[in-house]
Amino acid sequence: MKDFDFEVLVVGSGAGGSMAAYELTKAGHKVLMLEAGRDYDPKTETPMFKRNGEAPLMGAGNKDKDFGFYDATVDGGWSVPNEPYTAADGSEFLWWRARMLGGRTNHWGRYSLRFSEHDFKGKSRDGLGADWPFDYDDIAPWYDKTEALVGVCGTNTGLDDMPPSSDGILQPPPKPRITELLIAAAAKKLGITLAPMHRAVLTRPLDNRAACFYATPCGHGCSIGAAFQTTTSLIPMAKATGNLQVITDAMVKSVDTDENGKVTGVSYVDKKTSTVHQLKAKVVILAASACESARLLLNSKSTRFPNGLANTSGQVGKNLMDSTGANISALVPALQGRPIYNEDGHTANHLFIPWWGHKAQERKELDFPRGYHFEIGARFNEPGAGLSGNFQGYGADLKRQVKQNYGAYVGFALRGEMVPNEHCYMDIDPEVKDKWGIPVARFHWKWSEHELKQVEHGLKTAKAIFAEMGAEVGELPTPEQAILKGGEIIHEVGTTRMGASPKDSVTNQWGQSWDCPNLFVMDGGVFASNPHKNCTLTIMTLAMRNSSWLSAQLKQGAI
């Protein structure tokens, strides 16, 4: 990097890191990006046109490929070779690491729902958790800018859980599927409204990215750029300015400081050679993911910061949250034996069930404080390794049974808000280190009654909707049985949360560390709460907003 005089060093190339790099390079700042994973080019590497029938086990997932043989993640997962993590006694937590250029944006679900005024001020409503240090109106214009840049399809619904975008921002959504219209009719009888899901998938061309042609699974990656990932958008856009350079296979081990506690740069391990390098920078931005950024801070100890860098508040690693998750499905008789046709669309649900219970919670009619939504699985999917149903016989009769049930199953995936609690946090394992000698993260986890009661309500609601469709669900599992493991939804946030006071938060509203003015965090770690909506759109929106503020500070000489 001797010939590249960079001003800002960004750790991480996913949603937050790439948006920060894009915004800063566009403003004229030289940026160096470090990525712990390998280089990745979706235009040449994606298996988007591969079919399950060409893969071992019909494309089913395994230890090395959690989401299937053709999933876009190349080296990552809940288990990454040479990079262990641990859990405290009595705890279980799954930590997903992407370990590739572009991070999780290469394989994420691309659901892009705005947080609402309810979501930013939860503590003011029910006294739980923490409020964000700004209002929805402060971030709304930045949501517009992010949606326009990323390319989000959807509509303004008028629902209180789905704040509107400005006119002309959203791209048109795909048409609802027949199965989704059936669910909508059943839910309407219970006073529940379905709405078009907002997704970061292009239905109209944008810059040099093509519109989706509804033919391949988004999870395989997208070589035409229709399904948003930073490797086909923000990173090449930032490189085109001439102000960005990227180093991959760079495992950052610490953020370095001088004797006064000012951040001077980072130390990283070249994973290919195992050599350690030090880089100096005017500003360091951590966007390595909530738990990785927190691990870096906790491992960056000094005389000035004996408990970890930027941790005067003691909040680094605390307030760990994930979305709640639970799944329920049933065979819908009305859908059996229907004519088989192509209803791929943009892979995921075109309609979903947003949270409808804010007013009921205000009236204290529910026994849990925060909301959830249902994502829907209801269409003709590409056949995989497994089949649902109790099939008998063989030959033509067996084929008839399979075809009769094909496309007749409906699944609801609950995704809900978790309230932070004292039992959920991460620290550093005192004994275990990774291959490069870096102490690893240790997780502590326990769901509270808030989440368990929420899941119980969700299961009962889903069963009622199924009943309206004539489907039998049977006896429901207990919420303890149904709720998925911590980390399993891959929405972990909160470990370096922002706030209005340095006493109980790690950064201010701009992601700027209270302790170190030239250190910023721009990933999900800064979330003060974890609304039921998928977090990536808000990570990118905050990174755009906060990088714009940082740019102004740099140009004014304030940093």
Protein backbone atom coordinates (compact mmCIF):
# COMPACT_ATOMS: atom_id res chain seq x y z
CA MET A 1 0.00 0.00 0.00
CA LYS A 2 3.04 2.26 -0.31
CA ASP A 3 1.68 3.86 -3.47
CA PHE A 4 -1.84 4.36 -2.08
CA ASP A 5 -2.09 7.18 0.44
CA PHE A 6 -5.38 6.21 2.08
CA GLU A 7 -7.15 8.31 4.68
CA VAL A 8 -9.76 5.85 5.96
CA LEU A 9 -9.35 2.15 6.71
CA VAL A 10 -12.52 0.01 6.56
CA VAL A 11 -12.61 -3.47 8.11
CA GLY A 12 -15.23 -5.59 6.36
CA SER A 13 -16.71 -5.62 2.85
CA GLY A 14 -20.35 -6.48 3.57
CA ALA A 15 -23.35 -4.19 3.82
CA GLY A 16 -21.91 -1.60 6.20
CA GLY A 17 -18.29 -1.63 5.07
CA SER A 18 -19.05 -1.41 1.38
CA MET A 19 -21.61 1.35 1.81
CA ALA A 20 -19.13 3.32 3.91
CA ALA A 21 -16.46 2.83 1.25
CA TYR A 22 -18.85 3.87 -1.51
CA GLU A 23 -20.00 7.02 0.24
CA LEU A 24 -16.48 8.10 1.25
CA THR A 25 -14.80 7.38 -2.08
CA LYS A 26 -17.57 9.21 -3.90
CA ALA A 27 -16.81 12.20 -1.65
CA GLY A 28 -13.14 12.07 -2.67
CA HIS A 29 -11.57 10.22 0.26
CA LYS A 30 -8.99 7.47 -0.29
CA VAL A 31 -10.17 4.25 1.37
CA LEU A 32 -8.44 0.94 2.04
CA MET A 33 -10.74 -2.01 2.72
CA LEU A 34 -9.65 -5.16 4.55
CA GLU A 35 -11.63 -8.38 4.15
CA ALA A 36 -10.91 -11.52 6.19
CA GLY A 37 -12.26 -13.81 3.48
CA ARG A 38 -11.07 -14.57 0.00
CA ASP A 39 -11.72 -12.59 -3.16
CA TYR A 40 -14.99 -13.40 -4.94
CA ASP A 41 -16.36 -12.43 -8.33
CA PRO A 42 -20.03 -13.38 -8.77
CA LYS A 43 -19.92 -12.66 -12.48
CA THR A 44 -17.59 -15.60 -13.02
CA GLU A 45 -18.06 -17.78 -9.94
CA THR A 46 -21.77 -17.84 -9.27
CA PRO A 47 -23.55 -21.20 -9.78
CA MET A 48 -26.83 -19.37 -10.44
CA PHE A 49 -27.76 -21.51 -13.44
CA LYS A 50 -26.98 -24.83 -11.77
CA ARG A 51 -29.90 -27.08 -10.87
CA ASN A 52 -30.36 -29.29 -7.83
CA GLY A 53 -30.37 -32.39 -10.02
CA GLU A 54 -26.75 -31.71 -10.99
CA ALA A 55 -25.55 -31.59 -7.38
CA PRO A 56 -24.77 -34.30 -4.83
CA LEU A 57 -27.77 -35.16 -2.65
CA MET A 58 -29.99 -33.04 -4.94
CA GLY A 59 -28.28 -29.90 -3.66
CA ALA A 60 -29.07 -30.52 0.02
CA GLY A 61 -27.13 -28.66 2.69
CA ASN A 62 -24.29 -30.18 4.68
CA LYS A 63 -21.67 -29.12 7.24
CA ASP A 64 -19.66 -27.24 4.63
CA LYS A 65 -22.66 -25.76 2.83
CA ASP A 66 -25.39 -25.01 5.35
CA PHE A 67 -27.80 -23.56 2.79
CA GLY A 68 -27.22 -26.05 0.02
CA PHE A 69 -24.57 -27.19 -2.43
CA TYR A 70 -24.95 -24.12 -4.66
CA ASP A 71 -25.23 -21.45 -1.97
CA ALA A 72 -23.19 -18.37 -2.84
CA THR A 73 -21.12 -18.54 0.36
CA VAL A 74 -17.76 -20.03 -0.60
CA ASP A 75 -15.78 -20.42 2.63
CA GLY A 76 -18.11 -19.46 5.45
CA GLY A 77 -20.95 -20.79 7.55
CA TRP A 78 -21.78 -21.45 11.17
CA SER A 79 -18.57 -23.46 11.34
CA VAL A 80 -15.43 -22.03 9.70
CA PRO A 81 -12.20 -24.04 9.55
CA ASN A 82 -9.45 -22.67 11.82
CA GLU A 83 -11.84 -20.11 13.35
CA PRO A 84 -13.64 -21.62 16.34
CA TYR A 85 -15.86 -19.86 18.82
CA THR A 86 -17.18 -21.14 22.11
CA ALA A 87 -20.31 -20.99 24.26
CA ALA A 88 -20.51 -20.70 28.03
CA ASP A 89 -21.94 -23.57 30.05
CA GLY A 90 -25.67 -23.83 29.50
CA SER A 91 -25.58 -21.64 26.39
CA GLU A 92 -25.91 -22.42 22.72
CA PHE A 93 -25.34 -19.83 20.01
CA LEU A 94 -24.62 -20.16 16.31
CA TRP A 95 -22.33 -17.55 14.74
CA TRP A 96 -22.37 -17.20 10.98
CA ARG A 97 -19.26 -15.84 9.25
CA ALA A 98 -19.30 -15.33 5.45
CA ARG A 99 -15.53 -15.06 4.93
CA MET A 100 -15.64 -13.77 1.36
CA LEU A 101 -15.53 -10.44 -0.42
CA GLY A 102 -18.99 -8.94 -0.08
CA GLY A 103 -19.72 -10.82 3.13
CA ARG A 104 -23.29 -11.94 3.74
CA THR A 105 -24.65 -9.73 0.98
CA ASN A 106 -23.79 -12.52 -1.46
CA HIS A 107 -26.39 -14.86 0.03
CA TRP A 108 -28.77 -12.85 2.25
CA GLY A 109 -32.55 -13.05 1.91
CA ARG A 110 -32.63 -9.45 0.58
CA TYR A 111 -35.73 -8.57 2.59
CA SER A 112 -35.51 -4.79 2.96
CA LEU A 113 -38.06 -3.44 5.43
CA ARG A 114 -37.69 0.00 7.00
CA PHE A 115 -37.70 0.29 10.76
CA SER A 116 -40.59 2.51 11.88
CA GLU A 117 -41.13 5.14 14.56
CA HIS A 118 -42.29 2.25 16.79
CA ASP A 119 -38.97 0.49 16.28
CA PHE A 120 -36.65 3.38 17.11
CA LYS A 121 -38.40 4.29 20.37
CA GLY A 122 -39.34 0.95 21.92
CA LYS A 123 -38.18 1.85 25.42
CA SER A 124 -40.31 4.97 25.41
CA ARG A 125 -43.33 2.77 24.69
CA ASP A 126 -42.82 -0.16 27.05
CA GLY A 127 -39.79 0.65 29.21
CA LEU A 128 -37.66 -2.20 27.86
CA GLY A 129 -34.25 -2.12 26.21
CA ALA A 130 -32.97 1.17 24.83
CA ASP A 131 -34.18 3.92 22.51
CA TRP A 132 -32.15 4.90 19.47
CA PRO A 133 -30.53 8.36 19.79
CA PHE A 134 -32.53 9.75 16.83
CA ASP A 135 -36.07 9.67 15.46
CA TYR A 136 -37.48 7.99 12.38
CA ASP A 137 -37.81 11.36 10.65
CA ASP A 138 -34.03 11.84 10.95
CA ILE A 139 -33.28 8.68 9.01
CA ALA A 140 -36.23 8.61 6.57
CA PRO A 141 -34.45 10.65 3.82
CA TRP A 142 -31.47 8.29 4.07
CA TYR A 143 -33.74 5.28 3.67
CA ASP A 144 -34.92 6.89 0.41
CA LYS A 145 -31.35 7.33 -0.79
CA THR A 146 -30.38 3.78 0.12
CA GLU A 147 -33.45 2.20 -1.47
CA ALA A 148 -32.87 4.16 -4.67
CA LEU A 149 -29.19 3.21 -4.83
CA VAL A 150 -29.63 -0.44 -3.87
CA GLY A 151 -32.81 -0.97 -5.88
CA VAL A 152 -35.70 -2.11 -3.68
CA CYS A 153 -39.01 -3.31 -5.06
CA GLY A 154 -42.30 -2.97 -3.18
CA THR A 155 -45.19 -0.59 -2.61
CA ASN A 156 -46.31 1.93 -0.02
CA THR A 157 -48.96 0.01 1.93
CA GLY A 158 -50.26 2.58 4.41
CA LEU A 159 -49.73 0.06 7.23
CA ASP A 160 -48.32 1.45 10.48
CA ASP A 161 -45.52 -1.11 10.50
CA MET A 162 -44.32 -0.19 6.99
CA PRO A 163 -43.28 3.49 6.68
CA PRO A 164 -43.72 4.85 3.14
CA SER A 165 -40.90 5.63 0.75
CA SER A 166 -40.97 8.87 -1.20
CA ASP A 167 -42.66 8.85 -4.60
CA GLY A 168 -40.66 7.12 -7.31
CA ILE A 169 -38.20 5.41 -4.96
CA LEU A 170 -39.51 1.84 -4.91
CA GLN A 171 -39.41 -0.35 -7.99
CA PRO A 172 -42.61 -2.25 -8.87
CA PRO A 173 -43.12 -5.50 -6.94
CA PRO A 174 -43.72 -8.82 -8.68
CA LYS A 175 -47.31 -10.04 -8.86
CA PRO A 176 -48.60 -12.16 -5.97
CA ARG A 177 -48.71 -15.90 -6.48
CA ILE A 178 -51.98 -17.80 -6.37
CA THR A 179 -50.91 -19.46 -3.11
CA GLU A 180 -50.17 -16.10 -1.51
CA LEU A 181 -53.59 -14.75 -2.53
CA LEU A 182 -55.18 -17.78 -0.85
CA ILE A 183 -53.27 -17.02 2.35
CA ALA A 184 -54.25 -13.35 2.10
CA ALA A 185 -57.94 -14.28 1.85
CA ALA A 186 -57.68 -16.58 4.88
CA ALA A 187 -55.74 -14.05 6.98
CA LYS A 188 -58.18 -11.27 6.10
CA LYS A 189 -60.94 -13.20 7.88
CA LEU A 190 -58.86 -12.85 11.06
CA GLY A 191 -58.25 -9.14 10.54
CA ILE A 192 -54.67 -9.66 9.33
CA THR A 193 -53.40 -7.95 6.17
CA LEU A 194 -50.78 -9.24 3.75
CA ALA A 195 -48.53 -6.85 1.83
CA PRO A 196 -45.90 -6.97 -0.92
CA MET A 197 -42.53 -7.82 0.58
CA HIS A 198 -39.89 -5.15 -0.01
CA ARG A 199 -36.83 -6.83 -1.47
CA ALA A 200 -33.48 -5.67 -2.79
CA VAL A 201 -34.14 -7.31 -6.15
CA LEU A 202 -34.42 -5.24 -9.31
CA THR A 203 -37.63 -5.44 -11.31
CA ARG A 204 -36.32 -2.64 -13.55
CA PRO A 205 -32.73 -2.18 -14.81
CA LEU A 206 -30.58 0.13 -12.67
CA ASP A 207 -27.19 1.59 -13.74
CA ASN A 208 -25.34 -1.41 -15.20
CA ARG A 209 -27.39 -3.99 -13.32
CA ALA A 210 -30.10 -5.95 -15.13
CA ALA A 211 -33.65 -6.60 -13.98
CA CYS A 212 -34.43 -10.00 -12.49
CA PHE A 213 -35.73 -12.51 -15.03
CA TYR A 214 -37.22 -14.86 -12.42
CA ALA A 215 -35.28 -17.96 -13.36
CA THR A 216 -32.64 -18.84 -10.77
CA PRO A 217 -32.47 -18.99 -6.95
CA CYS A 218 -31.22 -15.74 -5.37
CA GLY A 219 -29.24 -17.75 -2.82
CA HIS A 220 -26.90 -18.96 -5.56
CA GLY A 221 -25.67 -15.42 -6.09
CA CYS A 222 -26.52 -13.18 -9.02
CA SER A 223 -24.08 -12.56 -11.86
CA ILE A 224 -26.37 -9.98 -13.52
CA GLY A 225 -26.61 -7.81 -10.40
CA ALA A 226 -30.40 -7.98 -10.09
CA ALA A 227 -30.28 -9.43 -6.57
CA PHE A 228 -28.32 -6.89 -4.55
CA GLN A 229 -24.86 -7.81 -3.31
CA THR A 230 -21.95 -5.47 -2.78
CA THR A 231 -19.73 -7.44 -5.16
CA THR A 232 -21.85 -6.34 -8.15
CA SER A 233 -22.65 -2.83 -6.95
CA LEU A 234 -21.05 -0.83 -4.15
CA ILE A 235 -17.54 -2.28 -4.35
CA PRO A 236 -17.10 -1.90 -8.13
CA MET A 237 -18.78 1.53 -7.94
CA ALA A 238 -16.31 2.63 -5.26
CA LYS A 239 -13.37 1.20 -7.19
CA ALA A 240 -14.47 3.12 -10.27
CA THR A 241 -13.74 6.39 -8.41
CA GLY A 242 -10.09 5.42 -8.19
CA ASN A 243 -10.24 5.94 -4.44
CA LEU A 244 -10.68 2.37 -3.19
CA GLN A 245 -8.27 -0.50 -2.84
CA VAL A 246 -9.10 -3.86 -1.28
CA ILE A 247 -6.95 -6.44 0.50
CA THR A 248 -8.57 -9.86 0.93
CA ASP A 249 -7.46 -12.71 3.22
CA ALA A 250 -6.63 -10.02 5.80
CA MET A 251 -7.59 -11.17 9.29
CA VAL A 252 -7.51 -8.09 11.52
CA LYS A 253 -6.28 -8.99 15.01
CA SER A 254 -6.35 -5.61 16.77
CA VAL A 255 -7.09 -1.92 16.45
CA ASP A 256 -3.91 -0.06 17.42
CA THR A 257 -3.63 3.09 19.54
CA ASP A 258 -0.90 5.48 20.67
CA GLU A 259 0.04 6.35 24.26
CA ASN A 260 -2.83 8.85 24.42
CA GLY A 261 -5.42 6.28 23.36
CA LYS A 262 -5.89 7.68 19.86
CA VAL A 263 -6.49 5.07 17.18
CA THR A 264 -3.55 4.88 14.78
CA GLY A 265 -4.54 1.94 12.55
CA VAL A 266 -4.83 -1.84 12.70
CA SER A 267 -2.70 -4.96 12.77
CA TYR A 268 -3.73 -7.84 10.53
CA VAL A 269 -2.59 -11.31 9.60
CA ASP A 270 -2.12 -12.23 5.95
CA LYS A 271 -3.92 -15.59 6.02
CA LYS A 272 -1.96 -16.89 3.03
CA THR A 273 1.46 -16.29 4.59
CA SER A 274 0.61 -15.95 8.32
CA THR A 275 2.66 -12.75 8.42
CA VAL A 276 1.51 -9.81 10.55
CA HIS A 277 1.23 -6.33 9.04
CA GLN A 278 0.51 -2.95 10.57
CA LEU A 279 -1.36 -0.23 8.75
CA LYS A 280 -1.68 3.41 9.75
CA ALA A 281 -4.84 5.40 9.08
CA LYS A 282 -6.42 8.69 10.04
CA VAL A 283 -9.76 6.98 10.64
CA VAL A 284 -10.68 3.33 11.24
CA ILE A 285 -14.18 2.03 10.51
CA LEU A 286 -15.15 -1.36 11.89
CA ALA A 287 -17.81 -3.10 9.79
CA ALA A 288 -16.74 -6.70 10.26
CA SER A 289 -20.17 -7.79 11.63
CA ALA A 290 -21.53 -7.11 15.10
CA CYS A 291 -19.70 -9.90 16.91
CA GLU A 292 -16.45 -9.70 14.92
CA SER A 293 -16.15 -5.96 15.50
CA ALA A 294 -16.84 -6.47 19.20
CA ARG A 295 -14.23 -9.23 19.32
CA LEU A 296 -11.67 -6.86 17.79
CA LEU A 297 -12.41 -4.17 20.35
CA LEU A 298 -12.30 -6.57 23.29
CA ASN A 299 -8.98 -7.98 22.03
CA SER A 300 -7.51 -4.48 21.56
CA LYS A 301 -6.42 -3.92 25.15
CA SER A 302 -3.91 -1.33 26.34
CA THR A 303 -2.94 0.52 29.49
CA ARG A 304 -5.47 3.19 28.56
CA PHE A 305 -8.16 0.61 27.72
CA PRO A 306 -7.56 -2.43 29.95
CA ASN A 307 -11.05 -3.85 29.29
CA GLY A 308 -10.88 -3.44 25.55
CA LEU A 309 -10.85 -0.50 23.19
CA ALA A 310 -13.84 1.89 23.26
CA ASN A 311 -15.20 0.01 26.27
CA THR A 312 -15.22 2.63 29.02
CA SER A 313 -18.98 2.05 29.28
CA GLY A 314 -18.48 -1.70 29.68
CA GLN A 315 -21.04 -2.24 26.92
CA VAL A 316 -18.83 -3.79 24.22
CA GLY A 317 -20.12 -7.32 23.69
CA LYS A 318 -23.25 -6.70 25.77
CA ASN A 319 -26.85 -6.33 24.49
CA LEU A 320 -26.43 -9.17 22.01
CA MET A 321 -29.66 -9.79 20.10
CA ASP A 322 -30.85 -11.99 17.26
CA SER A 323 -34.29 -12.22 15.66
CA THR A 324 -36.62 -14.83 17.05
CA GLY A 325 -37.47 -17.61 14.62
CA ALA A 326 -39.97 -20.44 14.41
CA ASN A 327 -41.35 -22.48 11.52
CA ILE A 328 -44.75 -24.06 10.96
CA SER A 329 -46.15 -25.70 7.84
CA ALA A 330 -49.14 -27.69 6.67
CA LEU A 331 -50.62 -29.39 3.64
CA VAL A 332 -53.44 -27.27 2.20
CA PRO A 333 -56.03 -29.54 0.56
CA ALA A 334 -57.27 -26.80 -1.77
CA LEU A 335 -53.83 -26.69 -3.38
CA GLN A 336 -53.52 -30.43 -4.02
CA GLY A 337 -53.32 -31.57 -7.62
CA ARG A 338 -53.25 -28.07 -9.07
CA PRO A 339 -51.78 -27.64 -12.57
CA ILE A 340 -48.00 -27.39 -12.49
CA TYR A 341 -46.54 -24.19 -13.93
CA ASN A 342 -43.62 -21.82 -13.36
CA GLU A 343 -44.17 -19.56 -10.36
CA ASP A 344 -40.53 -18.89 -9.44
CA GLY A 345 -40.75 -15.08 -9.33
CA HIS A 346 -37.86 -13.50 -7.46
CA THR A 347 -37.42 -16.72 -5.45
CA ALA A 348 -38.76 -15.49 -2.10
CA ASN A 349 -42.30 -14.59 -1.06
CA HIS A 350 -43.96 -11.83 -3.06
CA LEU A 351 -46.44 -11.23 -0.22
CA PHE A 352 -45.78 -11.50 3.52
CA ILE A 353 -47.59 -10.80 6.78
CA PRO A 354 -46.30 -7.62 8.47
CA TRP A 355 -46.88 -7.03 12.17
CA TRP A 356 -50.43 -5.91 12.82
CA GLY A 357 -50.47 -5.64 16.62
CA HIS A 358 -49.05 -2.23 17.58
CA LYS A 359 -52.42 -0.88 18.71
CA ALA A 360 -53.19 -4.08 20.65
CA GLN A 361 -49.87 -3.73 22.45
CA GLU A 362 -50.62 -0.09 23.24
CA ARG A 363 -53.90 -1.25 24.81
CA LYS A 364 -51.99 -3.91 26.83
CA GLU A 365 -53.99 -6.68 25.16
CA LEU A 366 -50.95 -8.86 24.41
CA ASP A 367 -48.63 -10.52 26.93
CA PHE A 368 -45.43 -9.79 24.99
CA PRO A 369 -43.93 -6.38 24.17
CA ARG A 370 -42.56 -6.49 20.61
CA GLY A 371 -43.81 -7.65 17.22
CA TYR A 372 -43.07 -10.24 14.56
CA HIS A 373 -43.85 -10.94 10.92
CA PHE A 374 -44.41 -14.04 8.83
CA GLU A 375 -42.41 -14.86 5.75
CA ILE A 376 -44.23 -17.29 3.46
CA GLY A 377 -43.10 -20.38 1.61
CA ALA A 378 -45.88 -21.34 -0.79
CA ARG A 379 -45.09 -22.14 -4.42
CA PHE A 380 -43.77 -24.73 -6.82
CA ASN A 381 -40.16 -25.04 -5.66
CA GLU A 382 -37.41 -26.85 -7.50
CA PRO A 383 -37.49 -30.41 -6.07
CA GLY A 384 -34.77 -31.16 -3.57
CA ALA A 385 -33.49 -34.19 -1.68
CA GLY A 386 -36.49 -34.55 0.62
CA LEU A 387 -40.25 -34.90 0.18
CA SER A 388 -43.00 -34.17 2.68
CA GLY A 389 -45.78 -36.69 3.15
CA ASN A 390 -46.39 -40.34 3.95
CA PHE A 391 -46.03 -41.92 0.53
CA GLN A 392 -46.78 -45.59 -0.12
CA GLY A 393 -46.00 -47.92 -2.99
CA TYR A 394 -43.81 -47.39 -6.05
CA GLY A 395 -43.91 -46.71 -9.78
CA ALA A 396 -46.76 -44.76 -11.39
CA ASP A 397 -48.88 -44.71 -8.23
CA LEU A 398 -46.02 -43.25 -6.17
CA LYS A 399 -45.44 -40.55 -8.80
CA ARG A 400 -49.14 -39.71 -8.72
CA GLN A 401 -49.01 -39.25 -4.92
CA VAL A 402 -45.96 -37.02 -5.17
CA LYS A 403 -47.47 -34.85 -7.90
CA GLN A 404 -50.73 -34.57 -5.94
CA ASN A 405 -48.91 -32.91 -3.02
CA TYR A 406 -46.33 -30.96 -5.05
CA GLY A 407 -46.91 -27.26 -4.41
CA ALA A 408 -49.62 -27.92 -1.84
CA TYR A 409 -47.52 -27.27 1.28
CA VAL A 410 -47.51 -23.82 2.86
CA GLY A 411 -44.88 -22.75 5.37
CA PHE A 412 -44.79 -19.75 7.69
CA ALA A 413 -41.45 -18.54 9.04
CA LEU A 414 -41.86 -16.30 12.10
CA ARG A 415 -39.28 -13.55 12.54
CA GLY A 416 -39.67 -11.46 15.67
CA GLU A 417 -38.05 -8.79 17.78
CA MET A 418 -35.93 -9.76 20.74
CA VAL A 419 -35.55 -7.54 23.79
CA PRO A 420 -31.94 -7.43 25.08
CA ASN A 421 -31.36 -9.14 28.40
CA GLU A 422 -28.47 -9.54 30.82
CA HIS A 423 -27.99 -13.20 29.93
CA CYS A 424 -27.21 -12.57 26.25
CA TYR A 425 -23.75 -11.22 25.51
CA MET A 426 -20.33 -12.18 24.16
CA ASP A 427 -16.89 -11.92 25.67
CA ILE A 428 -13.46 -13.38 24.95
CA ASP A 429 -12.67 -17.00 25.73
CA PRO A 430 -9.73 -16.96 28.17
CA GLU A 431 -8.12 -20.05 26.65
CA VAL A 432 -9.18 -20.74 23.05
CA LYS A 433 -7.49 -19.01 20.10
CA ASP A 434 -7.91 -19.31 16.36
CA LYS A 435 -5.26 -20.50 13.90
CA TRP A 436 -3.63 -17.07 13.91
CA GLY A 437 -3.37 -16.81 17.68
CA ILE A 438 -6.30 -14.42 18.08
CA PRO A 439 -8.51 -15.11 21.16
CA VAL A 440 -11.96 -16.21 20.07
CA ALA A 441 -15.47 -15.05 20.98
CA ARG A 442 -17.41 -16.81 23.72
CA PHE A 443 -21.20 -16.56 23.71
CA HIS A 444 -23.71 -16.46 26.54
CA TRP A 445 -27.36 -16.92 25.58
CA LYS A 446 -30.86 -17.31 26.99
CA TRP A 447 -34.24 -16.44 25.49
CA SER A 448 -36.54 -14.52 27.84
CA GLU A 449 -40.27 -14.90 28.48
CA HIS A 450 -40.86 -11.98 26.10
CA GLU A 451 -39.61 -14.02 23.15
CA LEU A 452 -41.24 -17.29 24.24
CA LYS A 453 -44.67 -15.67 24.61
CA GLN A 454 -44.23 -13.97 21.26
CA VAL A 455 -43.49 -17.29 19.55
CA GLU A 456 -46.46 -18.90 21.30
CA HIS A 457 -48.73 -16.17 19.93
CA GLY A 458 -47.23 -16.58 16.46
CA LEU A 459 -47.78 -20.35 16.38
CA LYS A 460 -51.42 -19.95 17.43
CA THR A 461 -51.95 -17.25 14.81
CA ALA A 462 -50.41 -19.37 12.05
CA LYS A 463 -52.57 -22.33 13.07
CA ALA A 464 -55.67 -20.14 12.87
CA ILE A 465 -54.76 -19.00 9.36
CA PHE A 466 -54.17 -22.61 8.31
CA ALA A 467 -57.58 -23.54 9.71
CA GLU A 468 -59.20 -20.88 7.53
CA MET A 469 -57.56 -22.59 4.54
CA GLY A 470 -58.87 -25.98 5.62
CA ALA A 471 -55.43 -27.25 6.67
CA GLU A 472 -54.80 -29.40 9.75
CA VAL A 473 -51.78 -28.49 11.84
CA GLY A 474 -52.26 -30.75 14.84
CA GLU A 475 -50.91 -30.10 18.31
CA LEU A 476 -48.53 -27.18 18.45
CA PRO A 477 -45.04 -27.51 19.94
CA THR A 478 -44.24 -25.52 23.05
CA PRO A 479 -42.50 -22.20 22.38
CA GLU A 480 -39.36 -23.64 23.99
CA GLN A 481 -39.43 -26.45 21.43
CA ALA A 482 -40.31 -24.22 18.49
CA ILE A 483 -38.00 -21.25 18.94
CA LEU A 484 -34.82 -21.50 16.89
CA LYS A 485 -31.36 -21.18 18.42
CA GLY A 486 -29.70 -17.86 19.08
CA GLY A 487 -27.78 -16.80 15.96
CA GLU A 488 -29.70 -19.17 13.72
CA ILE A 489 -31.53 -16.33 11.97
CA ILE A 490 -28.17 -14.56 11.37
CA HIS A 491 -29.45 -11.17 12.55
CA GLU A 492 -27.08 -10.70 15.48
CA VAL A 493 -26.75 -7.04 16.47
CA GLY A 494 -26.31 -4.73 19.47
CA THR A 495 -22.80 -5.54 20.73
CA THR A 496 -21.47 -1.98 20.24
CA ARG A 497 -24.75 -0.13 20.53
CA MET A 498 -25.16 3.58 19.91
CA GLY A 499 -26.78 5.89 22.40
CA ALA A 500 -27.15 9.42 23.74
CA SER A 501 -24.70 8.98 26.62
CA PRO A 502 -21.19 7.49 26.89
CA LYS A 503 -22.25 5.93 30.19
CA ASP A 504 -24.43 3.25 28.61
CA SER A 505 -23.41 3.06 24.95
CA VAL A 506 -20.31 2.52 22.82
CA THR A 507 -20.91 5.05 20.03
CA ASN A 508 -22.92 8.18 19.41
CA GLN A 509 -25.63 8.38 16.76
CA TRP A 510 -22.99 8.66 14.00
CA GLY A 511 -21.33 5.38 14.94
CA GLN A 512 -18.40 7.36 16.37
CA SER A 513 -16.80 5.84 19.46
CA TRP A 514 -17.27 7.96 22.55
CA ASP A 515 -13.75 7.02 23.69
CA CYS A 516 -11.88 7.35 20.38
CA PRO A 517 -13.16 10.09 18.01
CA ASN A 518 -11.38 8.61 14.97
CA LEU A 519 -12.87 5.13 15.48
CA PHE A 520 -16.27 4.32 13.97
CA VAL A 521 -18.50 1.24 13.92
CA MET A 522 -20.78 0.80 10.90
CA ASP A 523 -22.27 -2.66 11.18
CA GLY A 524 -25.21 -4.11 13.11
CA GLY A 525 -23.31 -3.80 16.38
CA VAL A 526 -24.55 -0.21 16.74
CA PHE A 527 -28.24 -1.21 16.81
CA ALA A 528 -29.95 -0.04 19.99
CA SER A 529 -32.75 -2.54 19.40
CA ASN A 530 -33.43 -5.38 17.00
CA PRO A 531 -36.85 -4.89 15.38
CA HIS A 532 -38.46 -7.90 13.74
CA LYS A 533 -37.45 -6.59 10.31
CA ASN A 534 -34.32 -7.86 8.63
CA CYS A 535 -31.42 -5.62 9.55
CA THR A 536 -29.36 -5.18 6.34
CA LEU A 537 -31.27 -2.22 4.84
CA THR A 538 -30.85 -0.28 8.09
CA ILE A 539 -27.16 -1.23 8.33
CA MET A 540 -26.60 0.22 4.86
CA THR A 541 -28.73 3.29 5.55
CA LEU A 542 -26.86 4.09 8.76
CA ALA A 543 -23.52 3.53 7.01
CA MET A 544 -24.48 5.94 4.22
CA ARG A 545 -25.74 8.57 6.67
CA ASN A 546 -22.84 8.25 9.07
CA SER A 547 -20.17 8.15 6.36
CA SER A 548 -21.60 11.36 4.91
CA TRP A 549 -21.27 12.94 8.36
CA LEU A 550 -17.73 11.57 8.70
CA SER A 551 -16.78 13.01 5.31
CA ALA A 552 -17.95 16.44 6.41
CA GLN A 553 -15.95 16.14 9.63
CA LEU A 554 -12.81 15.19 7.72
CA LYS A 555 -13.17 18.06 5.27
CA GLN A 556 -13.68 20.49 8.16
CA GLY A 557 -10.57 19.16 9.91
CA ALA A 558 -12.63 18.16 12.96
CA ILE A 559 -11.16 14.65 12.88
